[in-house]
C-alpha cells in the first residue's frame, strides 16, 4: 500500500532549538508529519484559521514557559507553513494574520499562473 505524503514548504519562520526546546521542536515535527500524511490534528493541538483562508490552521505547541504557533495551509500540492511565532496573548496578532494572508495570496497566484500559463 503506497502512502501519499504532501511536501512541506516553508514560506516564513523556522523551528529550531533554541529558541524551541528540543521537545517542542520534535512535537512540531511530529504534528506536521501527521498533516503531510493527510491526518487531521484535533483541537486543542490545532484550530482552523478561516480569518486567513480556507484550509488554514494554527498548531498550538506549549514549550516550557511559552507557547508556539505554527500557521499552515493545506493546498492540493503541498502543505505551506505561513508563519511561526511565539504566542503572547489569546488573540492572534493582526500583523500575523495579514502577513499570512499575503503569503497565501502569493501561493494562490503562483498556482493560478502554473495552471493557466
PDB file of N, CA and C in Angstrom:
ATOM      1  N   UNK A   1       0.823  -1.178   0.000  1.00  0.00           N
ATOM      2  CA  UNK A   1       0.000   0.000   0.000  1.00  0.00           C
ATOM      3  C   UNK A   1       0.869   1.243   0.000  1.00  0.00           C
ATOM      4  N   UNK A   2       0.733   2.111  -1.013  1.00  0.00           N
ATOM      5  CA  UNK A   2       1.521   3.337  -1.071  1.00  0.00           C
ATOM      6  C   UNK A   2       0.879   4.452  -0.266  1.00  0.00           C
ATOM      7  N   UNK A   3       1.675   5.168   0.461  1.00  0.00           N
ATOM      8  CA  UNK A   3       1.179   6.271   1.275  1.00  0.00           C
ATOM      9  C   UNK A   3       1.436   7.577   0.547  1.00  0.00           C
ATOM     10  N   UNK A   4       0.399   8.402   0.407  1.00  0.00           N
ATOM     11  CA  UNK A   4       0.560   9.706  -0.213  1.00  0.00           C
ATOM     12  C   UNK A   4       0.976  10.690   0.862  1.00  0.00           C
ATOM     13  N   UNK A   5       2.059  11.371   0.588  1.00  0.00           N
ATOM     14  CA  UNK A   5       2.601  12.318   1.561  1.00  0.00           C
ATOM     15  C   UNK A   5       2.876  13.627   0.833  1.00  0.00           C
ATOM     16  N   UNK A   6       2.253  14.706   1.295  1.00  0.00           N
ATOM     17  CA  UNK A   6       2.450  16.004   0.670  1.00  0.00           C
ATOM     18  C   UNK A   6       3.771  16.615   1.111  1.00  0.00           C
ATOM     19  N   UNK A   7       4.371  17.374   0.209  1.00  0.00           N
ATOM     20  CA  UNK A   7       5.576  18.131   0.540  1.00  0.00           C
ATOM     21  C   UNK A   7       5.245  19.194   1.576  1.00  0.00           C
ATOM     22  N   UNK A   8       6.253  19.588   2.322  1.00  0.00           N
ATOM     23  CA  UNK A   8       6.135  20.671   3.288  1.00  0.00           C
ATOM     24  C   UNK A   8       6.988  21.819   2.767  1.00  0.00           C
ATOM     25  N   UNK A   9       6.368  22.973   2.564  1.00  0.00           N
ATOM     26  CA  UNK A   9       7.088  24.133   2.031  1.00  0.00           C
ATOM     27  C   UNK A   9       7.012  25.279   3.031  1.00  0.00           C
ATOM     28  N   UNK A  10       8.181  25.754   3.429  1.00  0.00           N
ATOM     29  CA  UNK A  10       8.271  26.824   4.425  1.00  0.00           C
ATOM     30  C   UNK A  10       8.320  28.167   3.719  1.00  0.00           C
ATOM     31  N   UNK A  11       7.323  29.005   3.957  1.00  0.00           N
ATOM     32  CA  UNK A  11       7.308  30.347   3.387  1.00  0.00           C
ATOM     33  C   UNK A  11       7.859  31.373   4.361  1.00  0.00           C
ATOM     34  N   UNK A  12       7.765  31.059   5.661  1.00  0.00           N
ATOM     35  CA  UNK A  12       8.257  32.002   6.659  1.00  0.00           C
ATOM     36  C   UNK A  12       8.442  31.267   7.980  1.00  0.00           C
ATOM     37  N   UNK A  13       9.460  31.661   8.712  1.00  0.00           N
ATOM     38  CA  UNK A  13       9.695  31.105  10.035  1.00  0.00           C
ATOM     39  C   UNK A  13      10.511  29.834   9.990  1.00  0.00           C
ATOM     40  N   UNK A  14      10.897  29.389  11.164  1.00  0.00           N
ATOM     41  CA  UNK A  14      11.642  28.150  11.294  1.00  0.00           C
ATOM     42  C   UNK A  14      11.415  27.579  12.682  1.00  0.00           C
ATOM     43  N   UNK A  15      11.677  26.310  12.798  1.00  0.00           N
ATOM     44  CA  UNK A  15      11.535  25.626  14.084  1.00  0.00           C
ATOM     45  C   UNK A  15      12.880  24.991  14.377  1.00  0.00           C
ATOM     46  N   UNK A  16      13.614  25.599  15.325  1.00  0.00           N
ATOM     47  CA  UNK A  16      14.924  25.063  15.678  1.00  0.00           C
ATOM     48  C   UNK A  16      15.175  25.279  17.161  1.00  0.00           C
ATOM     49  N   UNK A  17      16.111  24.536  17.686  1.00  0.00           N
ATOM     50  CA  UNK A  17      16.478  24.649  19.097  1.00  0.00           C
ATOM     51  C   UNK A  17      17.838  25.327  19.204  1.00  0.00           C
ATOM     52  N   UNK A  18      17.960  26.407  20.002  1.00  0.00           N
ATOM     53  CA  UNK A  18      16.905  27.261  20.510  1.00  0.00           C
ATOM     54  C   UNK A  18      16.344  28.144  19.403  1.00  0.00           C
ATOM     55  N   UNK A  19      15.265  28.829  19.586  1.00  0.00           N
ATOM     56  CA  UNK A  19      14.572  29.109  20.828  1.00  0.00           C
ATOM     57  C   UNK A  19      13.586  28.010  21.260  1.00  0.00           C
ATOM     58  N   UNK A  20      13.217  27.098  20.364  1.00  0.00           N
ATOM     59  CA  UNK A  20      12.360  25.983  20.764  1.00  0.00           C
ATOM     60  C   UNK A  20      13.157  25.027  21.642  1.00  0.00           C
ATOM     61  N   UNK A  21      12.505  24.430  22.619  1.00  0.00           N
ATOM     62  CA  UNK A  21      13.156  23.331  23.328  1.00  0.00           C
ATOM     63  C   UNK A  21      13.204  22.149  22.366  1.00  0.00           C
ATOM     64  N   UNK A  22      14.038  21.189  22.639  1.00  0.00           N
ATOM     65  CA  UNK A  22      14.114  20.001  21.787  1.00  0.00           C
ATOM     66  C   UNK A  22      12.764  19.279  21.742  1.00  0.00           C
ATOM     67  N   UNK A  23      12.092  19.191  22.883  1.00  0.00           N
ATOM     68  CA  UNK A  23      10.797  18.501  22.940  1.00  0.00           C
ATOM     69  C   UNK A  23       9.749  19.211  22.085  1.00  0.00           C
ATOM     70  N   UNK A  24       9.699  20.540  22.150  1.00  0.00           N
ATOM     71  CA  UNK A  24       8.719  21.296  21.356  1.00  0.00           C
ATOM     72  C   UNK A  24       9.041  21.186  19.867  1.00  0.00           C
ATOM     73  N   UNK A  25      10.320  21.235  19.532  1.00  0.00           N
ATOM     74  CA  UNK A  25      10.722  21.099  18.124  1.00  0.00           C
ATOM     75  C   UNK A  25      10.281  19.743  17.578  1.00  0.00           C
ATOM     76  N   UNK A  26      10.488  18.701  18.356  1.00  0.00           N
ATOM     77  CA  UNK A  26      10.079  17.356  17.922  1.00  0.00           C
ATOM     78  C   UNK A  26       8.561  17.252  17.819  1.00  0.00           C
ATOM     79  N   UNK A  27       7.845  17.900  18.732  1.00  0.00           N
ATOM     80  CA  UNK A  27       6.381  17.886  18.690  1.00  0.00           C
ATOM     81  C   UNK A  27       5.865  18.561  17.420  1.00  0.00           C
ATOM     82  N   UNK A  28       6.438  19.701  17.062  1.00  0.00           N
ATOM     83  CA  UNK A  28       6.051  20.381  15.820  1.00  0.00           C
ATOM     84  C   UNK A  28       6.317  19.455  14.634  1.00  0.00           C
ATOM     85  N   UNK A  29       7.479  18.820  14.610  1.00  0.00           N
ATOM     86  CA  UNK A  29       7.811  17.908  13.518  1.00  0.00           C
ATOM     87  C   UNK A  29       6.823  16.756  13.412  1.00  0.00           C
ATOM     88  N   UNK A  30       6.452  16.171  14.544  1.00  0.00           N
ATOM     89  CA  UNK A  30       5.506  15.052  14.540  1.00  0.00           C
ATOM     90  C   UNK A  30       4.125  15.502  14.066  1.00  0.00           C
ATOM     91  N   UNK A  31       3.690  16.681  14.521  1.00  0.00           N
ATOM     92  CA  UNK A  31       2.375  17.185  14.106  1.00  0.00           C
ATOM     93  C   UNK A  31       2.353  17.515  12.609  1.00  0.00           C
ATOM     94  N   UNK A  32       3.394  18.179  12.122  1.00  0.00           N
ATOM     95  CA  UNK A  32       3.443  18.485  10.682  1.00  0.00           C
ATOM     96  C   UNK A  32       3.532  17.214   9.845  1.00  0.00           C
ATOM     97  N   UNK A  33       4.204  16.211  10.351  1.00  0.00           N
ATOM     98  CA  UNK A  33       4.276  14.928   9.654  1.00  0.00           C
ATOM     99  C   UNK A  33       2.870  14.328   9.509  1.00  0.00           C
ATOM    100  N   UNK A  34       2.066  14.417  10.561  1.00  0.00           N
ATOM    101  CA  UNK A  34       0.687  13.921  10.505  1.00  0.00           C
ATOM    102  C   UNK A  34      -0.116  14.680   9.454  1.00  0.00           C
ATOM    103  N   UNK A  35       0.072  15.996   9.403  1.00  0.00           N
ATOM    104  CA  UNK A  35      -0.639  16.814   8.415  1.00  0.00           C
ATOM    105  C   UNK A  35      -0.210  16.406   7.003  1.00  0.00           C
ATOM    106  N   UNK A  36       1.076  16.180   6.800  1.00  0.00           N
ATOM    107  CA  UNK A  36       1.585  15.764   5.495  1.00  0.00           C
ATOM    108  C   UNK A  36       0.964  14.434   5.047  1.00  0.00           C
ATOM    109  N   UNK A  37       0.647  13.573   5.993  1.00  0.00           N
ATOM    110  CA  UNK A  37       0.044  12.278   5.691  1.00  0.00           C
ATOM    111  C   UNK A  37      -1.462  12.380   5.481  1.00  0.00           C
ATOM    112  N   UNK A  38      -2.015  13.587   5.637  1.00  0.00           N
ATOM    113  CA  UNK A  38      -3.443  13.781   5.433  1.00  0.00           C
ATOM    114  C   UNK A  38      -4.284  13.495   6.664  1.00  0.00           C
ATOM    115  N   UNK A  39      -3.645  13.389   7.811  1.00  0.00           N
ATOM    116  CA  UNK A  39      -4.363  13.110   9.061  1.00  0.00           C
ATOM    117  C   UNK A  39      -4.720  14.414   9.762  1.00  0.00           C
ATOM    118  N   UNK A  40      -5.933  14.498  10.254  1.00  0.00           N
ATOM    119  CA  UNK A  40      -6.395  15.701  10.938  1.00  0.00           C
ATOM    120  C   UNK A  40      -5.757  15.807  12.323  1.00  0.00           C
ATOM    121  N   UNK A  41      -5.492  17.016  12.745  1.00  0.00           N
ATOM    122  CA  UNK A  41      -4.980  17.288  14.082  1.00  0.00           C
ATOM    123  C   UNK A  41      -6.152  17.908  14.859  1.00  0.00           C
ATOM    124  N   UNK A  42      -6.585  17.273  15.948  1.00  0.00           N
ATOM    125  CA  UNK A  42      -7.747  17.782  16.669  1.00  0.00           C
ATOM    126  C   UNK A  42      -7.431  18.988  17.559  1.00  0.00           C
ATOM    127  N   UNK A  43      -8.485  19.723  17.896  1.00  0.00           N
ATOM    128  CA  UNK A  43      -8.399  20.777  18.890  1.00  0.00           C
ATOM    129  C   UNK A  43      -8.112  20.122  20.241  1.00  0.00           C
ATOM    130  N   UNK A  44      -7.283  20.625  21.079  1.00  0.00           N
ATOM    131  CA  UNK A  44      -6.685  21.957  21.091  1.00  0.00           C
ATOM    132  C   UNK A  44      -5.304  22.039  20.442  1.00  0.00           C
ATOM    133  N   UNK A  45      -4.803  20.942  19.869  1.00  0.00           N
ATOM    134  CA  UNK A  45      -3.477  20.998  19.237  1.00  0.00           C
ATOM    135  C   UNK A  45      -3.479  21.839  17.965  1.00  0.00           C
ATOM    136  N   UNK A  46      -4.611  21.872  17.285  1.00  0.00           N
ATOM    137  CA  UNK A  46      -4.730  22.650  16.058  1.00  0.00           C
ATOM    138  C   UNK A  46      -6.123  23.249  16.008  1.00  0.00           C
ATOM    139  N   UNK A  47      -6.208  24.414  15.400  1.00  0.00           N
ATOM    140  CA  UNK A  47      -7.529  25.003  15.216  1.00  0.00           C
ATOM    141  C   UNK A  47      -7.585  25.655  13.848  1.00  0.00           C
ATOM    142  N   UNK A  48      -8.762  25.668  13.230  1.00  0.00           N
ATOM    143  CA  UNK A  48      -8.904  26.313  11.929  1.00  0.00           C
ATOM    144  C   UNK A  48      -8.682  27.821  12.039  1.00  0.00           C
ATOM    145  N   UNK A  49      -8.156  28.394  10.976  1.00  0.00           N
ATOM    146  CA  UNK A  49      -7.924  29.839  10.919  1.00  0.00           C
ATOM    147  C   UNK A  49      -8.606  30.408   9.670  1.00  0.00           C
ATOM    148  N   UNK A  50      -9.957  30.400   9.626  1.00  0.00           N
ATOM    149  CA  UNK A  50     -10.655  30.916   8.444  1.00  0.00           C
ATOM    150  C   UNK A  50     -10.396  32.394   8.198  1.00  0.00           C
ATOM    151  N   UNK A  51      -9.946  33.123   9.219  1.00  0.00           N
ATOM    152  CA  UNK A  51      -9.621  34.536   9.030  1.00  0.00           C
ATOM    153  C   UNK A  51      -8.427  34.715   8.090  1.00  0.00           C
ATOM    154  N   UNK A  52      -7.634  33.659   7.918  1.00  0.00           N
ATOM    155  CA  UNK A  52      -6.500  33.706   6.984  1.00  0.00           C
ATOM    156  C   UNK A  52      -6.931  33.181   5.616  1.00  0.00           C
ATOM    157  N   UNK A  53      -7.638  32.057   5.614  1.00  0.00           N
ATOM    158  CA  UNK A  53      -8.104  31.489   4.359  1.00  0.00           C
ATOM    159  C   UNK A  53      -8.619  30.080   4.562  1.00  0.00           C
ATOM    160  N   UNK A  54      -9.221  29.522   3.514  1.00  0.00           N
ATOM    161  CA  UNK A  54      -9.717  28.148   3.626  1.00  0.00           C
ATOM    162  C   UNK A  54      -8.560  27.172   3.807  1.00  0.00           C
ATOM    163  N   UNK A  55      -8.798  26.132   4.571  1.00  0.00           N
ATOM    164  CA  UNK A  55      -7.798  25.095   4.835  1.00  0.00           C
ATOM    165  C   UNK A  55      -6.544  25.626   5.532  1.00  0.00           C
ATOM    166  N   UNK A  56      -6.685  26.721   6.276  1.00  0.00           N
ATOM    167  CA  UNK A  56      -5.587  27.255   7.076  1.00  0.00           C
ATOM    168  C   UNK A  56      -5.830  26.871   8.532  1.00  0.00           C
ATOM    169  N   UNK A  57      -4.749  26.539   9.209  1.00  0.00           N
ATOM    170  CA  UNK A  57      -4.828  26.084  10.590  1.00  0.00           C
ATOM    171  C   UNK A  57      -3.650  26.640  11.382  1.00  0.00           C
ATOM    172  N   UNK A  58      -3.791  26.575  12.710  1.00  0.00           N
ATOM    173  CA  UNK A  58      -2.747  27.030  13.618  1.00  0.00           C
ATOM    174  C   UNK A  58      -2.445  25.901  14.593  1.00  0.00           C
ATOM    175  N   UNK A  59      -1.213  25.389  14.534  1.00  0.00           N
ATOM    176  CA  UNK A  59      -0.775  24.423  15.543  1.00  0.00           C
ATOM    177  C   UNK A  59      -0.474  25.169  16.825  1.00  0.00           C
ATOM    178  N   UNK A  60      -0.789  24.543  17.952  1.00  0.00           N
ATOM    179  CA  UNK A  60      -0.513  25.124  19.268  1.00  0.00           C
ATOM    180  C   UNK A  60       0.440  24.186  19.999  1.00  0.00           C
ATOM    181  N   UNK A  61       1.642  24.665  20.252  1.00  0.00           N
ATOM    182  CA  UNK A  61       2.657  23.814  20.874  1.00  0.00           C
ATOM    183  C   UNK A  61       3.185  24.485  22.143  1.00  0.00           C
ATOM    184  N   UNK A  62       2.804  23.953  23.321  1.00  0.00           N
ATOM    185  CA  UNK A  62       3.348  24.501  24.567  1.00  0.00           C
ATOM    186  C   UNK A  62       4.823  24.128  24.709  1.00  0.00           C
ATOM    187  N   UNK A  63       5.593  25.053  25.275  1.00  0.00           N
ATOM    188  CA  UNK A  63       7.036  24.834  25.409  1.00  0.00           C
ATOM    189  C   UNK A  63       7.543  25.549  26.650  1.00  0.00           C
ATOM    190  N   UNK A  64       7.778  24.793  27.709  1.00  0.00           N
ATOM    191  CA  UNK A  64       8.291  25.330  28.964  1.00  0.00           C
ATOM    192  C   UNK A  64       7.477  26.549  29.403  1.00  0.00           C
ATOM    193  N   UNK A  65       8.014  27.752  29.282  1.00  0.00           N
ATOM    194  CA  UNK A  65       7.309  28.948  29.761  1.00  0.00           C
ATOM    195  C   UNK A  65       6.672  29.771  28.640  1.00  0.00           C
ATOM    196  N   UNK A  66       6.518  29.189  27.452  1.00  0.00           N
ATOM    197  CA  UNK A  66       5.917  29.909  26.326  1.00  0.00           C
ATOM    198  C   UNK A  66       5.076  28.957  25.493  1.00  0.00           C
ATOM    199  N   UNK A  67       4.362  29.511  24.551  1.00  0.00           N
ATOM    200  CA  UNK A  67       3.564  28.705  23.626  1.00  0.00           C
ATOM    201  C   UNK A  67       3.887  29.158  22.210  1.00  0.00           C
ATOM    202  N   UNK A  68       4.155  28.190  21.341  1.00  0.00           N
ATOM    203  CA  UNK A  68       4.473  28.463  19.938  1.00  0.00           C
ATOM    204  C   UNK A  68       3.244  28.226  19.076  1.00  0.00           C
ATOM    205  N   UNK A  69       3.182  28.958  17.977  1.00  0.00           N
ATOM    206  CA  UNK A  69       2.143  28.758  16.980  1.00  0.00           C
ATOM    207  C   UNK A  69       2.819  28.549  15.626  1.00  0.00           C
ATOM    208  N   UNK A  70       2.256  27.618  14.868  1.00  0.00           N
ATOM    209  CA  UNK A  70       2.717  27.371  13.506  1.00  0.00           C
ATOM    210  C   UNK A  70       1.470  27.443  12.627  1.00  0.00           C
ATOM    211  N   UNK A  71       1.401  28.452  11.768  1.00  0.00           N
ATOM    212  CA  UNK A  71       0.258  28.634  10.878  1.00  0.00           C
ATOM    213  C   UNK A  71       0.591  27.964   9.558  1.00  0.00           C
ATOM    214  N   UNK A  72      -0.339  27.111   9.092  1.00  0.00           N
ATOM    215  CA  UNK A  72      -0.094  26.391   7.844  1.00  0.00           C
ATOM    216  C   UNK A  72      -1.362  26.335   7.000  1.00  0.00           C
ATOM    217  N   UNK A  73      -1.160  26.109   5.713  1.00  0.00           N
ATOM    218  CA  UNK A  73      -2.259  25.990   4.754  1.00  0.00           C
ATOM    219  C   UNK A  73      -2.128  24.658   4.027  1.00  0.00           C
ATOM    220  N   UNK A  74      -3.217  23.934   3.980  1.00  0.00           N
ATOM    221  CA  UNK A  74      -3.247  22.652   3.270  1.00  0.00           C
ATOM    222  C   UNK A  74      -3.713  22.930   1.845  1.00  0.00           C
ATOM    223  N   UNK A  75      -2.809  22.762   0.896  1.00  0.00           N
ATOM    224  CA  UNK A  75      -3.099  23.009  -0.518  1.00  0.00           C
ATOM    225  C   UNK A  75      -3.047  21.672  -1.256  1.00  0.00           C
ATOM    226  N   UNK A  76      -3.595  21.624  -2.466  1.00  0.00           N
ATOM    227  CA  UNK A  76      -3.580  20.351  -3.200  1.00  0.00           C
ATOM    228  C   UNK A  76      -2.179  19.772  -3.413  1.00  0.00           C
ATOM    229  N   UNK A  77      -1.184  20.623  -3.661  1.00  0.00           N
ATOM    230  CA  UNK A  77       0.146  20.126  -3.994  1.00  0.00           C
ATOM    231  C   UNK A  77       1.095  20.039  -2.808  1.00  0.00           C
ATOM    232  N   UNK A  78       0.791  20.737  -1.695  1.00  0.00           N
ATOM    233  CA  UNK A  78       1.740  20.762  -0.576  1.00  0.00           C
ATOM    234  C   UNK A  78       1.092  21.390   0.657  1.00  0.00           C
ATOM    235  N   UNK A  79       1.794  21.271   1.767  1.00  0.00           N
ATOM    236  CA  UNK A  79       1.455  21.970   3.000  1.00  0.00           C
ATOM    237  C   UNK A  79       2.394  23.169   3.074  1.00  0.00           C
ATOM    238  N   UNK A  80       1.839  24.374   3.185  1.00  0.00           N
ATOM    239  CA  UNK A  80       2.643  25.584   3.237  1.00  0.00           C
ATOM    240  C   UNK A  80       2.652  26.134   4.654  1.00  0.00           C
ATOM    241  N   UNK A  81       3.844  26.283   5.246  1.00  0.00           N
ATOM    242  CA  UNK A  81       3.977  26.919   6.546  1.00  0.00           C
ATOM    243  C   UNK A  81       4.032  28.422   6.284  1.00  0.00           C
ATOM    244  N   UNK A  82       3.046  29.140   6.828  1.00  0.00           N
ATOM    245  CA  UNK A  82       2.909  30.570   6.579  1.00  0.00           C
ATOM    246  C   UNK A  82       3.573  31.433   7.647  1.00  0.00           C
ATOM    247  N   UNK A  83       3.695  30.908   8.877  1.00  0.00           N
ATOM    248  CA  UNK A  83       4.331  31.686   9.945  1.00  0.00           C
ATOM    249  C   UNK A  83       4.605  30.790  11.147  1.00  0.00           C
ATOM    250  N   UNK A  84       5.599  31.160  11.903  1.00  0.00           N
ATOM    251  CA  UNK A  84       5.949  30.522  13.175  1.00  0.00           C
ATOM    252  C   UNK A  84       6.205  31.660  14.145  1.00  0.00           C
ATOM    253  N   UNK A  85       5.509  31.641  15.274  1.00  0.00           N
ATOM    254  CA  UNK A  85       5.695  32.731  16.226  1.00  0.00           C
ATOM    255  C   UNK A  85       5.350  32.273  17.635  1.00  0.00           C
ATOM    256  N   UNK A  86       5.835  33.058  18.594  1.00  0.00           N
ATOM    257  CA  UNK A  86       5.540  32.810  19.997  1.00  0.00           C
ATOM    258  C   UNK A  86       4.256  33.552  20.334  1.00  0.00           C
ATOM    259  N   UNK A  87       3.313  32.832  20.893  1.00  0.00           N
ATOM    260  CA  UNK A  87       2.025  33.433  21.234  1.00  0.00           C
ATOM    261  C   UNK A  87       2.122  34.087  22.601  1.00  0.00           C
ATOM    262  N   UNK A  88       1.796  35.376  22.655  1.00  0.00           N
ATOM    263  CA  UNK A  88       1.904  36.110  23.909  1.00  0.00           C
ATOM    264  C   UNK A  88       0.533  36.444  24.500  1.00  0.00           C
ATOM    265  N   UNK A  89      -0.519  36.331  23.684  1.00  0.00           N
ATOM    266  CA  UNK A  89      -1.864  36.629  24.172  1.00  0.00           C
ATOM    267  C   UNK A  89      -2.846  35.630  23.560  1.00  0.00           C
ATOM    268  N   UNK A  90      -4.092  35.700  23.985  1.00  0.00           N
ATOM    269  CA  UNK A  90      -5.097  34.765  23.478  1.00  0.00           C
ATOM    270  C   UNK A  90      -5.407  35.007  22.001  1.00  0.00           C
ATOM    271  N   UNK A  91      -5.311  36.242  21.575  1.00  0.00           N
ATOM    272  CA  UNK A  91      -5.694  36.612  20.215  1.00  0.00           C
ATOM    273  C   UNK A  91      -4.470  36.626  19.298  1.00  0.00           C
ATOM    274  N   UNK A  92      -4.624  36.061  18.097  1.00  0.00           N
ATOM    275  CA  UNK A  92      -3.538  36.100  17.119  1.00  0.00           C
ATOM    276  C   UNK A  92      -3.350  37.547  16.664  1.00  0.00           C
ATOM    277  N   UNK A  93      -2.123  38.061  16.712  1.00  0.00           N
ATOM    278  CA  UNK A  93      -1.890  39.459  16.317  1.00  0.00           C
ATOM    279  C   UNK A  93      -2.332  39.741  14.879  1.00  0.00           C
ATOM    280  N   UNK A  94      -2.915  40.893  14.680  1.00  0.00           N
ATOM    281  CA  UNK A  94      -3.421  41.311  13.356  1.00  0.00           C
ATOM    282  C   UNK A  94      -2.304  41.253  12.308  1.00  0.00           C
ATOM    283  N   UNK A  95      -1.094  41.666  12.677  1.00  0.00           N
ATOM    284  CA  UNK A  95       0.023  41.657  11.736  1.00  0.00           C
ATOM    285  C   UNK A  95       0.322  40.232  11.261  1.00  0.00           C
ATOM    286  N   UNK A  96       0.253  39.258  12.147  1.00  0.00           N
ATOM    287  CA  UNK A  96       0.484  37.860  11.766  1.00  0.00           C
ATOM    288  C   UNK A  96      -0.583  37.415  10.767  1.00  0.00           C
ATOM    289  N   UNK A  97      -1.846  37.728  11.050  1.00  0.00           N
ATOM    290  CA  UNK A  97      -2.936  37.350  10.136  1.00  0.00           C
ATOM    291  C   UNK A  97      -2.736  38.001   8.777  1.00  0.00           C
ATOM    292  N   UNK A  98      -2.443  39.289   8.756  1.00  0.00           N
ATOM    293  CA  UNK A  98      -2.238  39.998   7.483  1.00  0.00           C
ATOM    294  C   UNK A  98      -1.058  39.437   6.708  1.00  0.00           C
ATOM    295  N   UNK A  99       0.051  39.157   7.393  1.00  0.00           N
ATOM    296  CA  UNK A  99       1.222  38.597   6.711  1.00  0.00           C
ATOM    297  C   UNK A  99       0.918  37.206   6.153  1.00  0.00           C
ATOM    298  N   UNK A 100       0.203  36.390   6.910  1.00  0.00           N
ATOM    299  CA  UNK A 100      -0.158  35.049   6.441  1.00  0.00           C
ATOM    300  C   UNK A 100      -1.069  35.130   5.226  1.00  0.00           C
ATOM    301  N   UNK A 101      -2.023  36.053   5.246  1.00  0.00           N
ATOM    302  CA  UNK A 101      -2.910  36.241   4.086  1.00  0.00           C
ATOM    303  C   UNK A 101      -2.105  36.616   2.841  1.00  0.00           C
ATOM    304  N   UNK A 102      -1.152  37.521   3.007  1.00  0.00           N
ATOM    305  CA  UNK A 102      -0.323  37.952   1.876  1.00  0.00           C
ATOM    306  C   UNK A 102       0.502  36.780   1.334  1.00  0.00           C
ATOM    307  N   UNK A 103       1.069  35.974   2.216  1.00  0.00           N
ATOM    308  CA  UNK A 103       1.849  34.801   1.769  1.00  0.00           C
ATOM    309  C   UNK A 103       0.948  33.804   1.051  1.00  0.00           C
ATOM    310  N   UNK A 104      -0.256  33.601   1.573  1.00  0.00           N
ATOM    311  CA  UNK A 104      -1.198  32.677   0.937  1.00  0.00           C
ATOM    312  C   UNK A 104      -1.626  33.195  -0.437  1.00  0.00           C
ATOM    313  N   UNK A 105      -1.826  34.496  -0.577  1.00  0.00           N
ATOM    314  CA  UNK A 105      -2.165  35.073  -1.890  1.00  0.00           C
ATOM    315  C   UNK A 105      -1.067  34.794  -2.903  1.00  0.00           C
ATOM    316  N   UNK A 106       0.195  34.912  -2.478  1.00  0.00           N
ATOM    317  CA  UNK A 106       1.311  34.628  -3.400  1.00  0.00           C
ATOM    318  C   UNK A 106       1.285  33.165  -3.838  1.00  0.00           C
ATOM    319  N   UNK A 107       0.968  32.262  -2.924  1.00  0.00           N
ATOM    320  CA  UNK A 107       0.845  30.836  -3.276  1.00  0.00           C
ATOM    321  C   UNK A 107      -0.269  30.659  -4.297  1.00  0.00           C
ATOM    322  N   UNK A 108      -1.425  31.264  -4.041  1.00  0.00           N
ATOM    323  CA  UNK A 108      -2.570  31.123  -4.940  1.00  0.00           C
ATOM    324  C   UNK A 108      -2.268  31.714  -6.311  1.00  0.00           C
ATOM    325  N   UNK A 109      -1.584  32.850  -6.364  1.00  0.00           N
ATOM    326  CA  UNK A 109      -1.210  33.452  -7.644  1.00  0.00           C
ATOM    327  C   UNK A 109      -0.260  32.548  -8.414  1.00  0.00           C
ATOM    328  N   UNK A 110       0.681  31.954  -7.711  1.00  0.00           N
ATOM    329  CA  UNK A 110       1.624  31.034  -8.339  1.00  0.00           C
ATOM    330  C   UNK A 110       0.898  29.806  -8.885  1.00  0.00           C
ATOM    331  N   UNK A 111      -0.054  29.275  -8.110  1.00  0.00           N
ATOM    332  CA  UNK A 111      -0.852  28.135  -8.574  1.00  0.00           C
ATOM    333  C   UNK A 111      -1.636  28.496  -9.819  1.00  0.00           C
ATOM    334  N   UNK A 112      -2.240  29.694  -9.814  1.00  0.00           N
ATOM    335  CA  UNK A 112      -3.042  30.132 -10.969  1.00  0.00           C
ATOM    336  C   UNK A 112      -2.169  30.271 -12.208  1.00  0.00           C
ATOM    337  N   UNK A 113      -0.985  30.881 -12.052  1.00  0.00           N
ATOM    338  CA  UNK A 113      -0.071  31.033 -13.196  1.00  0.00           C
ATOM    339  C   UNK A 113       0.372  29.677 -13.733  1.00  0.00           C
ATOM    340  N   UNK A 114       0.637  28.735 -12.852  1.00  0.00           N
ATOM    341  CA  UNK A 114       1.054  27.396 -13.281  1.00  0.00           C
ATOM    342  C   UNK A 114      -0.058  26.691 -14.045  1.00  0.00           C
ATOM    343  N   UNK A 115      -1.286  26.912 -13.635  1.00  0.00           N
ATOM    344  CA  UNK A 115      -2.423  26.248 -14.263  1.00  0.00           C
ATOM    345  C   UNK A 115      -2.812  26.914 -15.583  1.00  0.00           C
ATOM    346  N   UNK A 116      -2.691  28.247 -15.667  1.00  0.00           N
ATOM    347  CA  UNK A 116      -3.175  28.987 -16.826  1.00  0.00           C
ATOM    348  C   UNK A 116      -2.056  29.547 -17.707  1.00  0.00           C
ATOM    349  N   UNK A 117      -0.834  29.237 -17.361  1.00  0.00           N
ATOM    350  CA  UNK A 117       0.332  29.609 -18.151  1.00  0.00           C
ATOM    351  C   UNK A 117       0.489  31.032 -18.417  1.00  0.00           C
TER     352      UNK A 117
END
